[in-house]
């Protein structure tokens, strides 16, 4: 796969409750020791890293992130194919650069710039 899925995110209105749920359900190791209470999930053997945390808009949703070399080029292509930009490229403090688009069926998809 030339542009792999590299991260997933599960968010909801109460990050702690959601983190406790996934810890109990799958025995995930989740570290939320940061000011945003965003829980980083250890990928485990054969898995990918993820996050469980608070939702900025209070709505629960799941997003997967695809690694791309150029965020804006990927957004432009998504739009040419019938999608639309949801979040333009932005830098996460102490983290990667990300963006989001809505696909042709209405699903939110995340993009993360190759490091």
Protein backbone atom coordinates (compact mmCIF):
# COMPACT_ATOMS: atom_id res chain seq x y z
CA UNK A 1 0.00 0.00 0.00
CA UNK A 2 1.67 3.22 -1.10
CA UNK A 3 -0.23 5.48 1.27
CA UNK A 4 -1.01 3.39 4.37
CA UNK A 5 -3.45 3.87 7.22
CA UNK A 6 -1.12 4.84 10.08
CA UNK A 7 -3.38 6.05 12.91
CA UNK A 8 -6.95 5.83 14.16
CA UNK A 9 -8.83 8.08 16.54
CA UNK A 10 -11.85 7.34 18.71
CA UNK A 11 -13.33 10.42 20.36
CA UNK A 12 -16.36 11.26 22.46
CA UNK A 13 -17.75 13.74 24.96
CA UNK A 14 -16.08 12.06 27.99
CA UNK A 15 -12.53 10.98 27.17
CA UNK A 16 -11.89 9.22 30.50
CA UNK A 17 -15.02 7.07 30.23
CA UNK A 18 -14.14 6.17 26.65
CA UNK A 19 -10.52 5.37 27.54
CA UNK A 20 -11.63 3.17 30.45
CA UNK A 21 -14.09 1.39 28.14
CA UNK A 22 -11.44 0.48 25.56
CA UNK A 23 -8.90 -0.45 28.25
CA UNK A 24 -11.40 -2.89 29.71
CA UNK A 25 -12.73 -4.17 26.39
CA UNK A 26 -9.43 -4.91 24.64
CA UNK A 27 -6.78 -4.59 27.39
CA UNK A 28 -5.34 -1.60 25.50
CA UNK A 29 -2.52 0.36 27.11
CA UNK A 30 -3.65 3.99 26.87
CA UNK A 31 -1.50 6.89 28.07
CA UNK A 32 -3.48 10.13 28.51
CA UNK A 33 -0.86 11.89 30.63
CA UNK A 34 -0.95 15.18 28.72
CA UNK A 35 -2.82 18.49 29.02
CA UNK A 36 -5.36 17.54 26.33
CA UNK A 37 -6.23 14.19 28.00
CA UNK A 38 -5.68 12.57 24.61
CA UNK A 39 -4.94 8.90 25.18
CA UNK A 40 -2.25 7.42 22.98
CA UNK A 41 -2.83 3.71 22.39
CA UNK A 42 0.17 1.40 22.09
CA UNK A 43 -0.17 -0.45 18.79
CA UNK A 44 0.68 -3.95 19.94
CA UNK A 45 2.09 -6.62 17.64
CA UNK A 46 0.85 -6.20 14.08
CA UNK A 47 -1.30 -3.17 14.90
CA UNK A 48 -1.13 0.57 14.33
CA UNK A 49 -1.00 3.35 16.89
CA UNK A 50 -4.17 5.16 17.80
CA UNK A 51 -5.75 7.66 20.11
CA UNK A 52 -8.80 7.82 22.38
CA UNK A 53 -9.76 11.24 23.58
CA UNK A 54 -12.14 14.14 23.88
CA UNK A 55 -14.16 15.29 20.90
CA UNK A 56 -13.68 18.96 20.01
CA UNK A 57 -17.35 19.28 19.03
CA UNK A 58 -18.75 16.94 21.71
CA UNK A 59 -19.82 14.37 19.11
CA UNK A 60 -18.58 10.79 19.14
CA UNK A 61 -16.85 9.54 16.00
CA UNK A 62 -14.07 7.35 14.69
CA UNK A 63 -11.52 8.59 12.15
CA UNK A 64 -8.67 6.81 10.44
CA UNK A 65 -5.61 8.65 9.15
CA UNK A 66 -3.78 7.97 5.89
CA UNK A 67 -0.15 9.00 5.54
CA UNK A 68 0.50 11.19 2.48
CA UNK A 69 3.52 13.17 1.24
CA UNK A 70 1.53 16.38 0.61
CA UNK A 71 -1.61 17.24 2.58
CA UNK A 72 -2.89 19.93 0.22
CA UNK A 73 -2.34 17.79 -2.87
CA UNK A 74 -4.32 14.96 -1.25
CA UNK A 75 -7.15 17.37 -0.32
CA UNK A 76 -7.21 18.75 -3.86
CA UNK A 77 -7.43 15.24 -5.31
CA UNK A 78 -10.19 14.29 -2.84
CA UNK A 79 -12.18 17.33 -4.02
CA UNK A 80 -11.64 16.50 -7.71
CA UNK A 81 -13.08 13.05 -6.98
CA UNK A 82 -16.22 14.40 -5.27
CA UNK A 83 -15.11 14.94 -1.67
CA UNK A 84 -14.63 18.19 0.20
CA UNK A 85 -12.08 19.61 2.61
CA UNK A 86 -13.23 19.51 6.24
CA UNK A 87 -10.04 20.77 7.95
CA UNK A 88 -7.23 22.39 5.99
CA UNK A 89 -3.63 21.43 6.78
CA UNK A 90 -2.59 22.30 10.34
CA UNK A 91 0.28 21.52 12.67
CA UNK A 92 -0.49 19.70 15.92
CA UNK A 93 1.66 21.05 18.79
CA UNK A 94 4.51 18.57 19.38
CA UNK A 95 2.94 16.35 16.73
CA UNK A 96 2.42 15.88 13.03
CA UNK A 97 0.70 18.00 10.40
CA UNK A 98 -2.84 16.79 9.67
CA UNK A 99 -5.91 17.59 7.58
CA UNK A 100 -9.37 16.08 7.10
CA UNK A 101 -11.74 15.61 4.17
CA UNK A 102 -15.27 14.33 3.70
CA UNK A 103 -15.39 11.53 1.15
CA UNK A 104 -18.04 11.15 -1.55
CA UNK A 105 -20.28 9.19 0.86
CA UNK A 106 -20.01 11.70 3.72
CA UNK A 107 -17.34 9.95 5.83
CA UNK A 108 -14.67 12.00 7.61
CA UNK A 109 -11.16 10.80 6.74
CA UNK A 110 -7.92 12.06 8.23
CA UNK A 111 -4.62 12.73 6.51
CA UNK A 112 -1.22 12.90 8.19
CA UNK A 113 1.89 14.23 6.50
CA UNK A 114 4.80 11.82 6.11
CA UNK A 115 7.49 12.62 8.64
